[in-house]
Amino acid sequence: MGVKLSFVYFGVPAHLLFFATHLGIPFLNRLTEVPLVVGWYICSGTLVFLPIFIAAFYFYKRDGYPCEFKALWTRFRLNDFSCKAFVISILSIVIIGTLTYLMMEAGKRLFTNYSPSPSFLTMKPIGPGDLWILFAWIPLFFFNIFGEALNWRG
């Protein structure tokens, strides 16, 4: 894959995410006063993850894959999962978790008012009356995970 094509596949979504977080969320919050996290769901979902999902299916169909489960499995490049791959996956999760914890602790000790969350996602804890926010997250989660997996792996 050439540099130009890499920019299209990775640079365009990165720029869309920048615009969603720095322009879309503040605009939506001023316009509707929805909680910032809901603005994140709406802006990132519609400006980034839904287009990635649609593009993934465009490439899927363009490459001639039929609409069947086996073809989707092939498109994901999922092969038999060996014991070695399973062990590597578990070890990777443990290492990533440990390194993330160490980075969080270092951040708390090195910087005053340290927060691992981006400034546009500063929010209060979700209360019993705000549980609908968790349900609003489900479409974003689906398009994020499934769309990215289809696009990047496929």
Protein backbone atom coordinates (compact mmCIF):
# COMPACT_ATOMS: atom_id res chain seq x y z
CA MET A 1 0.00 0.00 0.00
CA GLY A 2 1.44 3.35 -1.00
CA VAL A 3 1.78 6.41 1.18
CA LYS A 4 -1.12 8.17 -0.56
CA LEU A 5 -3.44 5.22 -0.04
CA SER A 6 -2.32 4.91 3.60
CA PHE A 7 -3.23 8.56 4.08
CA VAL A 8 -6.68 7.91 2.67
CA TYR A 9 -7.32 4.85 4.87
CA PHE A 10 -5.88 6.28 8.09
CA GLY A 11 -5.45 10.03 7.61
CA VAL A 12 -8.96 10.82 6.48
CA PRO A 13 -10.64 9.08 9.46
CA ALA A 14 -8.12 10.72 11.82
CA HIS A 15 -8.97 14.15 10.43
CA LEU A 16 -12.69 13.41 10.59
CA LEU A 17 -12.26 12.43 14.23
CA PHE A 18 -10.40 15.69 14.90
CA PHE A 19 -13.25 17.71 13.35
CA ALA A 20 -15.87 15.66 15.20
CA THR A 21 -14.20 16.25 18.57
CA HIS A 22 -13.05 19.85 18.16
CA LEU A 23 -15.89 21.30 16.08
CA GLY A 24 -18.84 18.90 16.10
CA ILE A 25 -19.13 18.18 19.81
CA PRO A 26 -18.86 21.83 20.97
CA PHE A 27 -21.30 22.94 18.25
CA LEU A 28 -23.82 20.23 19.15
CA ASN A 29 -23.47 21.00 22.85
CA ARG A 30 -24.12 24.72 22.30
CA LEU A 31 -27.01 24.02 19.96
CA THR A 32 -28.83 21.34 21.97
CA GLU A 33 -27.17 21.21 25.39
CA VAL A 34 -26.90 17.40 25.12
CA PRO A 35 -24.31 15.95 27.49
CA LEU A 36 -20.80 15.99 26.02
CA VAL A 37 -20.62 12.21 25.98
CA VAL A 38 -23.80 12.03 23.89
CA GLY A 39 -22.29 14.63 21.58
CA TRP A 40 -19.30 12.30 21.28
CA TYR A 41 -21.58 9.40 20.34
CA ILE A 42 -23.43 11.44 17.74
CA CYS A 43 -20.48 13.28 16.19
CA SER A 44 -17.96 10.47 16.14
CA GLY A 45 -20.62 7.98 15.10
CA THR A 46 -21.97 9.97 12.18
CA LEU A 47 -18.78 11.71 11.05
CA VAL A 48 -16.25 8.91 11.57
CA PHE A 49 -17.45 5.42 12.42
CA LEU A 50 -20.54 5.22 10.17
CA PRO A 51 -18.53 6.35 7.11
CA ILE A 52 -15.82 3.79 7.95
CA PHE A 53 -18.51 1.11 8.20
CA ILE A 54 -20.04 2.13 4.86
CA ALA A 55 -16.62 2.28 3.19
CA ALA A 56 -15.80 -1.20 4.50
CA PHE A 57 -18.92 -2.63 2.87
CA TYR A 58 -18.18 -0.71 -0.32
CA PHE A 59 -14.71 -2.31 -0.49
CA TYR A 60 -16.20 -5.68 0.48
CA LYS A 61 -18.64 -5.58 -2.43
CA ARG A 62 -16.11 -4.00 -4.80
CA ASP A 63 -13.75 -6.90 -4.24
CA GLY A 64 -16.50 -9.33 -5.23
CA TYR A 65 -17.18 -11.02 -1.89
CA PRO A 66 -20.65 -12.59 -1.72
CA CYS A 67 -23.04 -11.84 1.13
CA GLU A 68 -22.42 -14.93 3.24
CA PHE A 69 -20.83 -15.66 6.58
CA LYS A 70 -17.86 -17.64 5.24
CA ALA A 71 -16.93 -14.81 2.89
CA LEU A 72 -17.14 -12.32 5.76
CA TRP A 73 -14.90 -14.60 7.85
CA THR A 74 -12.42 -14.64 4.96
CA ARG A 75 -12.63 -10.87 4.58
CA PHE A 76 -11.75 -10.48 8.27
CA ARG A 77 -8.75 -12.71 7.59
CA LEU A 78 -9.72 -14.93 10.50
CA ASN A 79 -8.07 -18.31 10.36
CA ASP A 80 -8.04 -21.16 12.82
CA PHE A 81 -7.06 -19.75 16.19
CA SER A 82 -4.08 -21.77 17.42
CA CYS A 83 -3.10 -22.27 21.06
CA LYS A 84 0.00 -20.16 20.44
CA ALA A 85 -2.11 -17.28 19.08
CA PHE A 86 -4.41 -17.55 22.11
CA VAL A 87 -1.47 -17.36 24.55
CA ILE A 88 0.01 -14.40 22.66
CA SER A 89 -3.37 -12.63 22.79
CA ILE A 90 -3.73 -13.14 26.55
CA LEU A 91 -0.14 -12.03 27.20
CA SER A 92 -0.66 -8.97 25.01
CA ILE A 93 -3.77 -7.98 26.96
CA VAL A 94 -1.91 -8.35 30.27
CA ILE A 95 1.10 -6.35 29.00
CA ILE A 96 -1.11 -3.59 27.54
CA GLY A 97 -3.11 -3.40 30.77
CA THR A 98 0.04 -3.21 32.88
CA LEU A 99 1.64 -0.54 30.70
CA THR A 100 -1.60 1.48 30.68
CA TYR A 101 -1.72 1.33 34.49
CA LEU A 102 1.92 2.44 34.74
CA MET A 103 1.32 5.33 32.34
CA MET A 104 -1.72 6.44 34.38
CA GLU A 105 0.26 6.34 37.61
CA ALA A 106 3.18 8.23 36.04
CA GLY A 107 0.77 10.85 34.71
CA LYS A 108 -0.79 11.35 38.16
CA ARG A 109 2.62 11.77 39.78
CA LEU A 110 4.19 13.99 37.11
CA PHE A 111 1.33 16.37 36.29
CA THR A 112 -1.03 18.31 38.51
CA ASN A 113 -4.71 17.96 37.61
CA TYR A 114 -3.87 14.96 35.43
CA SER A 115 -6.80 13.44 33.57
CA PRO A 116 -6.53 10.58 31.07
CA SER A 117 -9.78 11.67 29.42
CA PRO A 118 -9.74 14.19 26.59
CA SER A 119 -11.04 17.62 27.57
CA PHE A 120 -14.10 17.26 25.35
CA LEU A 121 -15.23 14.19 27.29
CA THR A 122 -15.10 15.63 30.79
CA MET A 123 -18.35 14.55 32.37
CA LYS A 124 -20.01 13.78 35.64
CA PRO A 125 -20.67 10.17 36.66
CA ILE A 126 -23.77 8.66 35.09
CA GLY A 127 -26.64 8.62 37.57
CA PRO A 128 -29.77 6.45 37.64
CA GLY A 129 -31.65 8.97 35.48
CA ASP A 130 -28.92 8.96 32.85
CA LEU A 131 -28.83 5.24 32.06
CA TRP A 132 -30.22 6.01 28.60
CA ILE A 133 -26.72 7.29 27.77
CA LEU A 134 -25.42 3.73 27.97
CA PHE A 135 -28.04 2.60 25.46
CA ALA A 136 -27.10 5.49 23.17
CA TRP A 137 -23.57 4.10 23.22
CA ILE A 138 -24.54 0.75 21.65
CA PRO A 139 -24.79 1.97 17.99
CA LEU A 140 -21.49 3.84 18.34
CA PHE A 141 -19.84 0.74 19.77
CA PHE A 142 -21.18 -1.44 16.93
CA PHE A 143 -20.09 0.89 14.12
CA ASN A 144 -16.75 1.55 15.80
CA ILE A 145 -15.76 -2.06 16.42
CA PHE A 146 -17.40 -3.77 13.45
CA GLY A 147 -16.66 -0.98 10.97
CA GLU A 148 -13.02 -0.67 12.00
CA ALA A 149 -12.52 -4.42 11.97
CA LEU A 150 -14.02 -4.73 8.50
CA ASN A 151 -12.10 -1.74 7.17
CA TRP A 152 -8.66 -2.21 8.72
CA ARG A 153 -8.51 -6.01 8.61
CA GLY A 154 -10.45 -6.39 5.38
